[in-house]
Amino acid sequence: MPWWTDHPRVGGEHTPEQLEDVSFSAPVLCLLAGDTERPGLLAYISGLRFIQIEPFDTQAALATTELLHAGHSWAAAHAIHAARPSADHPTGRYLLTLTPEIYEGTGIQAVHPDQ
């Protein structure tokens, strides 16, 4: 399940003070997919104050259509869309994921948390 952040240094262990300027977002479709494997995950994540849930709205649906046709899953397509540059995030966002290899060739910066 991917997470996005604007902060370039998210890997490794950090104190709460070091993470005060870090913001995390979680794509709702990724959370839904994760919830099928771990029931209650979406409800748990939605209760965390430091994680914003990224909605899957009409704009996201229109932007991810090409990714779905290219063979990406709904969850991956939503993550890729949200990690790409936008008006709110002109340089894009880092995609924190345990499976960065599935995002190769998509033009986003996918990193493993241990990197």
PDB file of N, CA and C in Angstrom:
ATOM      1  N   MET A   1       0.849  -1.170   0.000  1.00  0.00           N
ATOM      2  CA  MET A   1       0.000   0.000   0.000  1.00  0.00           C
ATOM      3  C   MET A   1       0.897   1.235   0.000  1.00  0.00           C
ATOM      4  N   PRO A   2       0.790   2.087  -0.999  1.00  0.00           N
ATOM      5  CA  PRO A   2       1.646   3.263  -1.073  1.00  0.00           C
ATOM      6  C   PRO A   2       1.177   4.423  -0.207  1.00  0.00           C
ATOM      7  N   TRP A   3       2.106   5.248   0.141  1.00  0.00           N
ATOM      8  CA  TRP A   3       1.863   6.497   0.862  1.00  0.00           C
ATOM      9  C   TRP A   3       2.607   7.576   0.106  1.00  0.00           C
ATOM     10  N   TRP A   4       2.094   8.775   0.141  1.00  0.00           N
ATOM     11  CA  TRP A   4       2.782   9.880  -0.507  1.00  0.00           C
ATOM     12  C   TRP A   4       3.294  10.833   0.545  1.00  0.00           C
ATOM     13  N   THR A   5       4.381  11.476   0.212  1.00  0.00           N
ATOM     14  CA  THR A   5       4.888  12.536   1.068  1.00  0.00           C
ATOM     15  C   THR A   5       5.603  13.567   0.217  1.00  0.00           C
ATOM     16  N   ASP A   6       5.624  14.790   0.686  1.00  0.00           N
ATOM     17  CA  ASP A   6       6.374  15.851   0.024  1.00  0.00           C
ATOM     18  C   ASP A   6       7.798  15.908   0.543  1.00  0.00           C
ATOM     19  N   HIS A   7       8.080  15.179   1.589  1.00  0.00           N
ATOM     20  CA  HIS A   7       9.371  15.239   2.249  1.00  0.00           C
ATOM     21  C   HIS A   7      10.331  14.253   1.604  1.00  0.00           C
ATOM     22  N   PRO A   8      11.535  14.709   1.205  1.00  0.00           N
ATOM     23  CA  PRO A   8      12.447  13.827   0.490  1.00  0.00           C
ATOM     24  C   PRO A   8      13.121  12.771   1.362  1.00  0.00           C
ATOM     25  N   ARG A   9      13.117  12.910   2.682  1.00  0.00           N
ATOM     26  CA  ARG A   9      13.818  11.951   3.537  1.00  0.00           C
ATOM     27  C   ARG A   9      12.835  11.303   4.486  1.00  0.00           C
ATOM     28  N   VAL A  10      12.221  10.237   4.035  1.00  0.00           N
ATOM     29  CA  VAL A  10      11.208   9.579   4.856  1.00  0.00           C
ATOM     30  C   VAL A  10      11.648   8.215   5.353  1.00  0.00           C
ATOM     31  N   GLY A  11      12.705   7.647   4.784  1.00  0.00           N
ATOM     32  CA  GLY A  11      13.150   6.315   5.186  1.00  0.00           C
ATOM     33  C   GLY A  11      13.862   6.325   6.527  1.00  0.00           C
ATOM     34  N   GLY A  12      13.995   5.153   7.112  1.00  0.00           N
ATOM     35  CA  GLY A  12      14.705   5.019   8.377  1.00  0.00           C
ATOM     36  C   GLY A  12      13.834   5.397   9.556  1.00  0.00           C
ATOM     37  N   GLU A  13      14.462   5.435  10.725  1.00  0.00           N
ATOM     38  CA  GLU A  13      13.730   5.774  11.937  1.00  0.00           C
ATOM     39  C   GLU A  13      13.905   7.259  12.248  1.00  0.00           C
ATOM     40  N   HIS A  14      12.837   7.874  12.736  1.00  0.00           N
ATOM     41  CA  HIS A  14      12.848   9.293  13.053  1.00  0.00           C
ATOM     42  C   HIS A  14      12.121   9.517  14.367  1.00  0.00           C
ATOM     43  N   THR A  15      12.504  10.580  15.059  1.00  0.00           N
ATOM     44  CA  THR A  15      11.781  10.975  16.258  1.00  0.00           C
ATOM     45  C   THR A  15      10.543  11.747  15.826  1.00  0.00           C
ATOM     46  N   PRO A  16       9.529  11.851  16.687  1.00  0.00           N
ATOM     47  CA  PRO A  16       8.348  12.646  16.327  1.00  0.00           C
ATOM     48  C   PRO A  16       8.694  14.083  15.956  1.00  0.00           C
ATOM     49  N   GLU A  17       9.690  14.653  16.607  1.00  0.00           N
ATOM     50  CA  GLU A  17      10.078  16.035  16.304  1.00  0.00           C
ATOM     51  C   GLU A  17      10.616  16.150  14.878  1.00  0.00           C
ATOM     52  N   GLN A  18      11.342  15.145  14.415  1.00  0.00           N
ATOM     53  CA  GLN A  18      11.892  15.171  13.063  1.00  0.00           C
ATOM     54  C   GLN A  18      10.801  15.047  12.008  1.00  0.00           C
ATOM     55  N   LEU A  19       9.680  14.471  12.369  1.00  0.00           N
ATOM     56  CA  LEU A  19       8.605  14.256  11.408  1.00  0.00           C
ATOM     57  C   LEU A  19       7.524  15.331  11.450  1.00  0.00           C
ATOM     58  N   GLU A  20       7.706  16.371  12.273  1.00  0.00           N
ATOM     59  CA  GLU A  20       6.675  17.406  12.388  1.00  0.00           C
ATOM     60  C   GLU A  20       6.400  18.106  11.066  1.00  0.00           C
ATOM     61  N   ASP A  21       7.426  18.253  10.220  1.00  0.00           N
ATOM     62  CA  ASP A  21       7.223  18.945   8.950  1.00  0.00           C
ATOM     63  C   ASP A  21       6.884  17.995   7.806  1.00  0.00           C
ATOM     64  N   VAL A  22       6.696  16.728   8.100  1.00  0.00           N
ATOM     65  CA  VAL A  22       6.379  15.736   7.080  1.00  0.00           C
ATOM     66  C   VAL A  22       4.866  15.531   7.022  1.00  0.00           C
ATOM     67  N   SER A  23       4.330  15.559   5.815  1.00  0.00           N
ATOM     68  CA  SER A  23       2.908  15.271   5.670  1.00  0.00           C
ATOM     69  C   SER A  23       2.756  14.007   4.835  1.00  0.00           C
ATOM     70  N   PHE A  24       1.823  13.171   5.208  1.00  0.00           N
ATOM     71  CA  PHE A  24       1.558  11.931   4.491  1.00  0.00           C
ATOM     72  C   PHE A  24       0.130  11.936   3.975  1.00  0.00           C
ATOM     73  N   SER A  25      -0.042  11.379   2.806  1.00  0.00           N
ATOM     74  CA  SER A  25      -1.362  11.175   2.233  1.00  0.00           C
ATOM     75  C   SER A  25      -1.448   9.716   1.831  1.00  0.00           C
ATOM     76  N   ALA A  26      -2.636   9.171   1.888  1.00  0.00           N
ATOM     77  CA  ALA A  26      -2.841   7.785   1.483  1.00  0.00           C
ATOM     78  C   ALA A  26      -3.976   7.750   0.467  1.00  0.00           C
ATOM     79  N   PRO A  27      -3.740   7.130  -0.682  1.00  0.00           N
ATOM     80  CA  PRO A  27      -4.796   7.052  -1.696  1.00  0.00           C
ATOM     81  C   PRO A  27      -5.913   6.130  -1.232  1.00  0.00           C
ATOM     82  N   VAL A  28      -7.127   6.593  -1.315  1.00  0.00           N
ATOM     83  CA  VAL A  28      -8.258   5.831  -0.801  1.00  0.00           C
ATOM     84  C   VAL A  28      -8.410   4.484  -1.498  1.00  0.00           C
ATOM     85  N   LEU A  29      -8.117   4.408  -2.794  1.00  0.00           N
ATOM     86  CA  LEU A  29      -8.240   3.113  -3.464  1.00  0.00           C
ATOM     87  C   LEU A  29      -7.185   2.126  -2.985  1.00  0.00           C
ATOM     88  N   CYS A  30      -6.011   2.628  -2.614  1.00  0.00           N
ATOM     89  CA  CYS A  30      -4.984   1.751  -2.041  1.00  0.00           C
ATOM     90  C   CYS A  30      -5.424   1.258  -0.665  1.00  0.00           C
ATOM     91  N   LEU A  31      -6.039   2.133   0.096  1.00  0.00           N
ATOM     92  CA  LEU A  31      -6.540   1.730   1.411  1.00  0.00           C
ATOM     93  C   LEU A  31      -7.655   0.704   1.287  1.00  0.00           C
ATOM     94  N   LEU A  32      -8.529   0.898   0.301  1.00  0.00           N
ATOM     95  CA  LEU A  32      -9.592  -0.092   0.069  1.00  0.00           C
ATOM     96  C   LEU A  32      -9.008  -1.451  -0.296  1.00  0.00           C
ATOM     97  N   ALA A  33      -8.014  -1.451  -1.176  1.00  0.00           N
ATOM     98  CA  ALA A  33      -7.366  -2.706  -1.556  1.00  0.00           C
ATOM     99  C   ALA A  33      -6.699  -3.347  -0.335  1.00  0.00           C
ATOM    100  N   GLY A  34      -6.038  -2.534   0.472  1.00  0.00           N
ATOM    101  CA  GLY A  34      -5.398  -3.041   1.687  1.00  0.00           C
ATOM    102  C   GLY A  34      -6.404  -3.565   2.695  1.00  0.00           C
ATOM    103  N   ASP A  35      -7.566  -2.931   2.743  1.00  0.00           N
ATOM    104  CA  ASP A  35      -8.597  -3.340   3.692  1.00  0.00           C
ATOM    105  C   ASP A  35      -9.163  -4.718   3.346  1.00  0.00           C
ATOM    106  N   THR A  36      -9.102  -5.098   2.083  1.00  0.00           N
ATOM    107  CA  THR A  36      -9.580  -6.442   1.721  1.00  0.00           C
ATOM    108  C   THR A  36      -8.657  -7.516   2.275  1.00  0.00           C
ATOM    109  N   GLU A  37      -7.370  -7.187   2.430  1.00  0.00           N
ATOM    110  CA  GLU A  37      -6.404  -8.131   2.998  1.00  0.00           C
ATOM    111  C   GLU A  37      -6.313  -8.005   4.513  1.00  0.00           C
ATOM    112  N   ARG A  38      -6.506  -6.803   5.011  1.00  0.00           N
ATOM    113  CA  ARG A  38      -6.438  -6.530   6.448  1.00  0.00           C
ATOM    114  C   ARG A  38      -7.666  -5.732   6.852  1.00  0.00           C
ATOM    115  N   PRO A  39      -8.768  -6.419   7.124  1.00  0.00           N
ATOM    116  CA  PRO A  39     -10.003  -5.719   7.473  1.00  0.00           C
ATOM    117  C   PRO A  39      -9.799  -4.743   8.631  1.00  0.00           C
ATOM    118  N   GLY A  40     -10.344  -3.550   8.459  1.00  0.00           N
ATOM    119  CA  GLY A  40     -10.216  -2.507   9.475  1.00  0.00           C
ATOM    120  C   GLY A  40      -9.109  -1.509   9.187  1.00  0.00           C
ATOM    121  N   LEU A  41      -8.286  -1.790   8.175  1.00  0.00           N
ATOM    122  CA  LEU A  41      -7.167  -0.902   7.858  1.00  0.00           C
ATOM    123  C   LEU A  41      -7.638   0.502   7.502  1.00  0.00           C
ATOM    124  N   LEU A  42      -8.637   0.611   6.634  1.00  0.00           N
ATOM    125  CA  LEU A  42      -9.132   1.922   6.220  1.00  0.00           C
ATOM    126  C   LEU A  42      -9.657   2.712   7.409  1.00  0.00           C
ATOM    127  N   ALA A  43     -10.421   2.081   8.262  1.00  0.00           N
ATOM    128  CA  ALA A  43     -10.949   2.768   9.443  1.00  0.00           C
ATOM    129  C   ALA A  43      -9.815   3.215  10.361  1.00  0.00           C
ATOM    130  N   TYR A  44      -8.811   2.373  10.515  1.00  0.00           N
ATOM    131  CA  TYR A  44      -7.676   2.722  11.374  1.00  0.00           C
ATOM    132  C   TYR A  44      -6.915   3.927  10.816  1.00  0.00           C
ATOM    133  N   ILE A  45      -6.576   3.867   9.528  1.00  0.00           N
ATOM    134  CA  ILE A  45      -5.814   4.951   8.904  1.00  0.00           C
ATOM    135  C   ILE A  45      -6.613   6.251   8.929  1.00  0.00           C
ATOM    136  N   SER A  46      -7.919   6.174   8.710  1.00  0.00           N
ATOM    137  CA  SER A  46      -8.730   7.393   8.698  1.00  0.00           C
ATOM    138  C   SER A  46      -8.753   8.072  10.067  1.00  0.00           C
ATOM    139  N   GLY A  47      -8.419   7.355  11.116  1.00  0.00           N
ATOM    140  CA  GLY A  47      -8.380   7.935  12.452  1.00  0.00           C
ATOM    141  C   GLY A  47      -7.043   8.538  12.830  1.00  0.00           C
ATOM    142  N   LEU A  48      -6.041   8.407  11.982  1.00  0.00           N
ATOM    143  CA  LEU A  48      -4.717   8.964  12.283  1.00  0.00           C
ATOM    144  C   LEU A  48      -4.656  10.419  11.845  1.00  0.00           C
ATOM    145  N   ARG A  49      -4.297  11.291  12.741  1.00  0.00           N
ATOM    146  CA  ARG A  49      -4.330  12.725  12.467  1.00  0.00           C
ATOM    147  C   ARG A  49      -3.255  13.191  11.486  1.00  0.00           C
ATOM    148  N   PHE A  50      -2.186  12.436  11.332  1.00  0.00           N
ATOM    149  CA  PHE A  50      -1.086  12.885  10.480  1.00  0.00           C
ATOM    150  C   PHE A  50      -1.155  12.323   9.057  1.00  0.00           C
ATOM    151  N   ILE A  51      -2.217  11.594   8.740  1.00  0.00           N
ATOM    152  CA  ILE A  51      -2.377  11.060   7.392  1.00  0.00           C
ATOM    153  C   ILE A  51      -3.671  11.596   6.789  1.00  0.00           C
ATOM    154  N   GLN A  52      -3.537  12.240   5.639  1.00  0.00           N
ATOM    155  CA  GLN A  52      -4.690  12.714   4.885  1.00  0.00           C
ATOM    156  C   GLN A  52      -5.076  11.636   3.877  1.00  0.00           C
ATOM    157  N   ILE A  53      -6.340  11.318   3.783  1.00  0.00           N
ATOM    158  CA  ILE A  53      -6.779  10.350   2.782  1.00  0.00           C
ATOM    159  C   ILE A  53      -7.081  11.095   1.493  1.00  0.00           C
ATOM    160  N   GLU A  54      -6.393  10.679   0.439  1.00  0.00           N
ATOM    161  CA  GLU A  54      -6.552  11.299  -0.878  1.00  0.00           C
ATOM    162  C   GLU A  54      -7.798  10.719  -1.528  1.00  0.00           C
ATOM    163  N   PRO A  55      -8.795  11.556  -1.846  1.00  0.00           N
ATOM    164  CA  PRO A  55     -10.033  11.036  -2.444  1.00  0.00           C
ATOM    165  C   PRO A  55      -9.829  10.628  -3.900  1.00  0.00           C
ATOM    166  N   PHE A  56     -10.679   9.752  -4.366  1.00  0.00           N
ATOM    167  CA  PHE A  56     -10.703   9.389  -5.780  1.00  0.00           C
ATOM    168  C   PHE A  56     -11.913  10.090  -6.382  1.00  0.00           C
ATOM    169  N   ASP A  57     -11.651  11.252  -6.945  1.00  0.00           N
ATOM    170  CA  ASP A  57     -12.727  12.072  -7.477  1.00  0.00           C
ATOM    171  C   ASP A  57     -12.761  11.990  -9.004  1.00  0.00           C
ATOM    172  N   THR A  58     -13.603  12.791  -9.620  1.00  0.00           N
ATOM    173  CA  THR A  58     -13.747  12.773 -11.073  1.00  0.00           C
ATOM    174  C   THR A  58     -12.438  13.105 -11.770  1.00  0.00           C
ATOM    175  N   GLN A  59     -11.717  14.090 -11.256  1.00  0.00           N
ATOM    176  CA  GLN A  59     -10.429  14.459 -11.856  1.00  0.00           C
ATOM    177  C   GLN A  59      -9.463  13.279 -11.807  1.00  0.00           C
ATOM    178  N   ALA A  60      -9.417  12.589 -10.684  1.00  0.00           N
ATOM    179  CA  ALA A  60      -8.540  11.417 -10.562  1.00  0.00           C
ATOM    180  C   ALA A  60      -8.977  10.319 -11.526  1.00  0.00           C
ATOM    181  N   ALA A  61     -10.276  10.121 -11.648  1.00  0.00           N
ATOM    182  CA  ALA A  61     -10.790   9.082 -12.551  1.00  0.00           C
ATOM    183  C   ALA A  61     -10.404   9.372 -13.999  1.00  0.00           C
ATOM    184  N   LEU A  62     -10.557  10.620 -14.412  1.00  0.00           N
ATOM    185  CA  LEU A  62     -10.197  10.980 -15.782  1.00  0.00           C
ATOM    186  C   LEU A  62      -8.704  10.802 -16.031  1.00  0.00           C
ATOM    187  N   ALA A  63      -7.890  11.173 -15.068  1.00  0.00           N
ATOM    188  CA  ALA A  63      -6.438  11.086 -15.229  1.00  0.00           C
ATOM    189  C   ALA A  63      -5.917   9.650 -15.183  1.00  0.00           C
ATOM    190  N   THR A  64      -6.611   8.767 -14.504  1.00  0.00           N
ATOM    191  CA  THR A  64      -6.102   7.397 -14.365  1.00  0.00           C
ATOM    192  C   THR A  64      -6.602   6.446 -15.441  1.00  0.00           C
ATOM    193  N   THR A  65      -7.502   6.884 -16.287  1.00  0.00           N
ATOM    194  CA  THR A  65      -8.030   6.008 -17.336  1.00  0.00           C
ATOM    195  C   THR A  65      -6.909   5.407 -18.180  1.00  0.00           C
ATOM    196  N   GLU A  66      -5.960   6.228 -18.614  1.00  0.00           N
ATOM    197  CA  GLU A  66      -4.853   5.724 -19.435  1.00  0.00           C
ATOM    198  C   GLU A  66      -4.026   4.688 -18.687  1.00  0.00           C
ATOM    199  N   LEU A  67      -3.866   4.883 -17.381  1.00  0.00           N
ATOM    200  CA  LEU A  67      -3.088   3.936 -16.579  1.00  0.00           C
ATOM    201  C   LEU A  67      -3.804   2.591 -16.455  1.00  0.00           C
ATOM    202  N   LEU A  68      -5.115   2.625 -16.354  1.00  0.00           N
ATOM    203  CA  LEU A  68      -5.887   1.386 -16.297  1.00  0.00           C
ATOM    204  C   LEU A  68      -5.777   0.628 -17.622  1.00  0.00           C
ATOM    205  N   HIS A  69      -5.839   1.359 -18.730  1.00  0.00           N
ATOM    206  CA  HIS A  69      -5.706   0.733 -20.044  1.00  0.00           C
ATOM    207  C   HIS A  69      -4.301   0.173 -20.254  1.00  0.00           C
ATOM    208  N   ALA A  70      -3.328   0.748 -19.565  1.00  0.00           N
ATOM    209  CA  ALA A  70      -1.945   0.266 -19.668  1.00  0.00           C
ATOM    210  C   ALA A  70      -1.687  -0.945 -18.771  1.00  0.00           C
ATOM    211  N   GLY A  71      -2.697  -1.356 -18.002  1.00  0.00           N
ATOM    212  CA  GLY A  71      -2.556  -2.567 -17.204  1.00  0.00           C
ATOM    213  C   GLY A  71      -2.308  -2.366 -15.725  1.00  0.00           C
ATOM    214  N   HIS A  72      -2.309  -1.124 -15.256  1.00  0.00           N
ATOM    215  CA  HIS A  72      -2.115  -0.879 -13.830  1.00  0.00           C
ATOM    216  C   HIS A  72      -3.415  -1.163 -13.074  1.00  0.00           C
ATOM    217  N   SER A  73      -3.281  -1.572 -11.823  1.00  0.00           N
ATOM    218  CA  SER A  73      -4.464  -1.800 -10.983  1.00  0.00           C
ATOM    219  C   SER A  73      -5.098  -0.459 -10.626  1.00  0.00           C
ATOM    220  N   TRP A  74      -6.336  -0.521 -10.139  1.00  0.00           N
ATOM    221  CA  TRP A  74      -7.006   0.708  -9.685  1.00  0.00           C
ATOM    222  C   TRP A  74      -6.172   1.405  -8.617  1.00  0.00           C
ATOM    223  N   ALA A  75      -5.678   0.635  -7.657  1.00  0.00           N
ATOM    224  CA  ALA A  75      -4.908   1.219  -6.558  1.00  0.00           C
ATOM    225  C   ALA A  75      -3.627   1.868  -7.074  1.00  0.00           C
ATOM    226  N   ALA A  76      -2.888   1.178  -7.932  1.00  0.00           N
ATOM    227  CA  ALA A  76      -1.647   1.742  -8.475  1.00  0.00           C
ATOM    228  C   ALA A  76      -1.934   2.974  -9.323  1.00  0.00           C
ATOM    229  N   ALA A  77      -2.996   2.928 -10.120  1.00  0.00           N
ATOM    230  CA  ALA A  77      -3.339   4.076 -10.965  1.00  0.00           C
ATOM    231  C   ALA A  77      -3.648   5.302 -10.116  1.00  0.00           C
ATOM    232  N   HIS A  78      -4.359   5.116  -9.020  1.00  0.00           N
ATOM    233  CA  HIS A  78      -4.665   6.237  -8.139  1.00  0.00           C
ATOM    234  C   HIS A  78      -3.391   6.781  -7.504  1.00  0.00           C
ATOM    235  N   ALA A  79      -2.514   5.899  -7.083  1.00  0.00           N
ATOM    236  CA  ALA A  79      -1.251   6.326  -6.476  1.00  0.00           C
ATOM    237  C   ALA A  79      -0.388   7.098  -7.473  1.00  0.00           C
ATOM    238  N   ILE A  80      -0.309   6.606  -8.700  1.00  0.00           N
ATOM    239  CA  ILE A  80       0.488   7.272  -9.726  1.00  0.00           C
ATOM    240  C   ILE A  80      -0.081   8.656 -10.017  1.00  0.00           C
ATOM    241  N   HIS A  81      -1.388   8.743 -10.185  1.00  0.00           N
ATOM    242  CA  HIS A  81      -2.030  10.037 -10.443  1.00  0.00           C
ATOM    243  C   HIS A  81      -1.691  11.044  -9.347  1.00  0.00           C
ATOM    244  N   ALA A  82      -1.822  10.636  -8.111  1.00  0.00           N
ATOM    245  CA  ALA A  82      -1.603  11.572  -7.000  1.00  0.00           C
ATOM    246  C   ALA A  82      -0.133  11.923  -6.799  1.00  0.00           C
ATOM    247  N   ALA A  83       0.770  11.074  -7.247  1.00  0.00           N
ATOM    248  CA  ALA A  83       2.197  11.356  -7.079  1.00  0.00           C
ATOM    249  C   ALA A  83       2.754  12.228  -8.201  1.00  0.00           C
ATOM    250  N   ARG A  84       2.024  12.341  -9.291  1.00  0.00           N
ATOM    251  CA  ARG A  84       2.493  13.154 -10.416  1.00  0.00           C
ATOM    252  C   ARG A  84       2.401  14.648 -10.081  1.00  0.00           C
ATOM    253  N   PRO A  85       3.200  15.467 -10.775  1.00  0.00           N
ATOM    254  CA  PRO A  85       3.109  16.914 -10.555  1.00  0.00           C
ATOM    255  C   PRO A  85       1.693  17.430 -10.774  1.00  0.00           C
ATOM    256  N   SER A  86       1.314  18.407  -9.955  1.00  0.00           N
ATOM    257  CA  SER A  86      -0.015  19.021 -10.046  1.00  0.00           C
ATOM    258  C   SER A  86       0.111  20.475  -9.603  1.00  0.00           C
ATOM    259  N   ALA A  87      -0.989  21.192  -9.643  1.00  0.00           N
ATOM    260  CA  ALA A  87      -0.976  22.591  -9.192  1.00  0.00           C
ATOM    261  C   ALA A  87      -0.590  22.679  -7.713  1.00  0.00           C
ATOM    262  N   ASP A  88      -1.090  21.754  -6.908  1.00  0.00           N
ATOM    263  CA  ASP A  88      -0.768  21.759  -5.475  1.00  0.00           C
ATOM    264  C   ASP A  88       0.634  21.245  -5.182  1.00  0.00           C
ATOM    265  N   HIS A  89       1.149  20.393  -6.046  1.00  0.00           N
ATOM    266  CA  HIS A  89       2.467  19.774  -5.856  1.00  0.00           C
ATOM    267  C   HIS A  89       3.228  19.827  -7.179  1.00  0.00           C
ATOM    268  N   PRO A  90       3.777  21.006  -7.522  1.00  0.00           N
ATOM    269  CA  PRO A  90       4.390  21.207  -8.845  1.00  0.00           C
ATOM    270  C   PRO A  90       5.542  20.256  -9.162  1.00  0.00           C
ATOM    271  N   THR A  91       6.234  19.755  -8.164  1.00  0.00           N
ATOM    272  CA  THR A  91       7.333  18.824  -8.426  1.00  0.00           C
ATOM    273  C   THR A  91       6.916  17.374  -8.210  1.00  0.00           C
ATOM    274  N   GLY A  92       5.643  17.157  -7.951  1.00  0.00           N
ATOM    275  CA  GLY A  92       5.166  15.813  -7.665  1.00  0.00           C
ATOM    276  C   GLY A  92       5.397  15.468  -6.210  1.00  0.00           C
ATOM    277  N   ARG A  93       5.057  14.249  -5.863  1.00  0.00           N
ATOM    278  CA  ARG A  93       5.265  13.782  -4.499  1.00  0.00           C
ATOM    279  C   ARG A  93       5.980  12.443  -4.535  1.00  0.00           C
ATOM    280  N   TYR A  94       6.726  12.167  -3.472  1.00  0.00           N
ATOM    281  CA  TYR A  94       7.365  10.872  -3.335  1.00  0.00           C
ATOM    282  C   TYR A  94       6.297   9.837  -3.029  1.00  0.00           C
ATOM    283  N   LEU A  95       6.412   8.681  -3.639  1.00  0.00           N
ATOM    284  CA  LEU A  95       5.502   7.581  -3.370  1.00  0.00           C
ATOM    285  C   LEU A  95       6.258   6.575  -2.519  1.00  0.00           C
ATOM    286  N   LEU A  96       5.859   6.446  -1.287  1.00  0.00           N
ATOM    287  CA  LEU A  96       6.485   5.525  -0.349  1.00  0.00           C
ATOM    288  C   LEU A  96       5.750   4.198  -0.447  1.00  0.00           C
ATOM    289  N   THR A  97       6.441   3.138  -0.858  1.00  0.00           N
ATOM    290  CA  THR A  97       5.796   1.856  -1.125  1.00  0.00           C
ATOM    291  C   THR A  97       6.754   0.702  -0.868  1.00  0.00           C
ATOM    292  N   LEU A  98       6.200  -0.439  -0.528  1.00  0.00           N
ATOM    293  CA  LEU A  98       7.012  -1.643  -0.358  1.00  0.00           C
ATOM    294  C   LEU A  98       7.325  -2.290  -1.704  1.00  0.00           C
ATOM    295  N   THR A  99       6.665  -1.828  -2.765  1.00  0.00           N
ATOM    296  CA  THR A  99       6.859  -2.401  -4.101  1.00  0.00           C
ATOM    297  C   THR A  99       7.166  -1.321  -5.135  1.00  0.00           C
ATOM    298  N   PRO A 100       8.298  -0.617  -5.003  1.00  0.00           N
ATOM    299  CA  PRO A 100       8.598   0.458  -5.961  1.00  0.00           C
ATOM    300  C   PRO A 100       8.754  -0.028  -7.401  1.00  0.00           C
ATOM    301  N   GLU A 101       9.078  -1.295  -7.581  1.00  0.00           N
ATOM    302  CA  GLU A 101       9.289  -1.810  -8.933  1.00  0.00           C
ATOM    303  C   GLU A 101       8.032  -1.754  -9.796  1.00  0.00           C
ATOM    304  N   ILE A 102       6.844  -1.806  -9.200  1.00  0.00           N
ATOM    305  CA  ILE A 102       5.635  -1.764 -10.034  1.00  0.00           C
ATOM    306  C   ILE A 102       5.358  -0.361 -10.583  1.00  0.00           C
ATOM    307  N   TYR A 103       6.094   0.629 -10.092  1.00  0.00           N
ATOM    308  CA  TYR A 103       5.916   2.002 -10.548  1.00  0.00           C
ATOM    309  C   TYR A 103       7.009   2.453 -11.512  1.00  0.00           C
ATOM    310  N   GLU A 104       7.924   1.538 -11.861  1.00  0.00           N
ATOM    311  CA  GLU A 104       8.990   1.884 -12.808  1.00  0.00           C
ATOM    312  C   GLU A 104       8.387   2.270 -14.155  1.00  0.00           C
ATOM    313  N   GLY A 105       8.937   3.306 -14.758  1.00  0.00           N
ATOM    314  CA  GLY A 105       8.478   3.750 -16.064  1.00  0.00           C
ATOM    315  C   GLY A 105       7.241   4.623 -16.033  1.00  0.00           C
ATOM    316  N   THR A 106       6.756   4.978 -14.837  1.00  0.00           N
ATOM    317  CA  THR A 106       5.552   5.810 -14.747  1.00  0.00           C
ATOM    318  C   THR A 106       5.881   7.293 -14.572  1.00  0.00           C
ATOM    319  N   GLY A 107       7.159   7.599 -14.379  1.00  0.00           N
ATOM    320  CA  GLY A 107       7.561   8.994 -14.232  1.00  0.00           C
ATOM    321  C   GLY A 107       7.414   9.556 -12.828  1.00  0.00           C
ATOM    322  N   ILE A 108       7.149   8.695 -11.850  1.00  0.00           N
ATOM    323  CA  ILE A 108       7.043   9.178 -10.474  1.00  0.00           C
ATOM    324  C   ILE A 108       8.227   8.679  -9.660  1.00  0.00           C
ATOM    325  N   GLN A 109       8.406   9.255  -8.484  1.00  0.00           N
ATOM    326  CA  GLN A 109       9.505   8.904  -7.607  1.00  0.00           C
ATOM    327  C   GLN A 109       8.997   7.934  -6.530  1.00  0.00           C
ATOM    328  N   ALA A 110       9.082   6.637  -6.826  1.00  0.00           N
ATOM    329  CA  ALA A 110       8.645   5.609  -5.876  1.00  0.00           C
ATOM    330  C   ALA A 110       9.856   5.120  -5.094  1.00  0.00           C
ATOM    331  N   VAL A 111       9.750   5.140  -3.777  1.00  0.00           N
ATOM    332  CA  VAL A 111      10.864   4.715  -2.936  1.00  0.00           C
ATOM    333  C   VAL A 111      10.370   3.729  -1.874  1.00  0.00           C
ATOM    334  N   HIS A 112      11.237   2.819  -1.512  1.00  0.00           N
ATOM    335  CA  HIS A 112      10.973   1.863  -0.432  1.00  0.00           C
ATOM    336  C   HIS A 112      11.277   2.583   0.878  1.00  0.00           C
ATOM    337  N   PRO A 113      10.539   2.324   1.956  1.00  0.00           N
ATOM    338  CA  PRO A 113      10.785   3.026   3.226  1.00  0.00           C
ATOM    339  C   PRO A 113      12.199   2.810   3.779  1.00  0.00           C
ATOM    340  N   ASP A 114      12.862   1.726   3.396  1.00  0.00           N
ATOM    341  CA  ASP A 114      14.209   1.475   3.901  1.00  0.00           C
ATOM    342  C   ASP A 114      15.291   2.206   3.121  1.00  0.00           C
ATOM    343  N   GLN A 115      14.922   2.881   2.032  1.00  0.00           N
ATOM    344  CA  GLN A 115      15.919   3.607   1.239  1.00  0.00           C
ATOM    345  C   GLN A 115      16.194   4.961   1.825  1.00  0.00           C
TER     346      GLN A 115
END
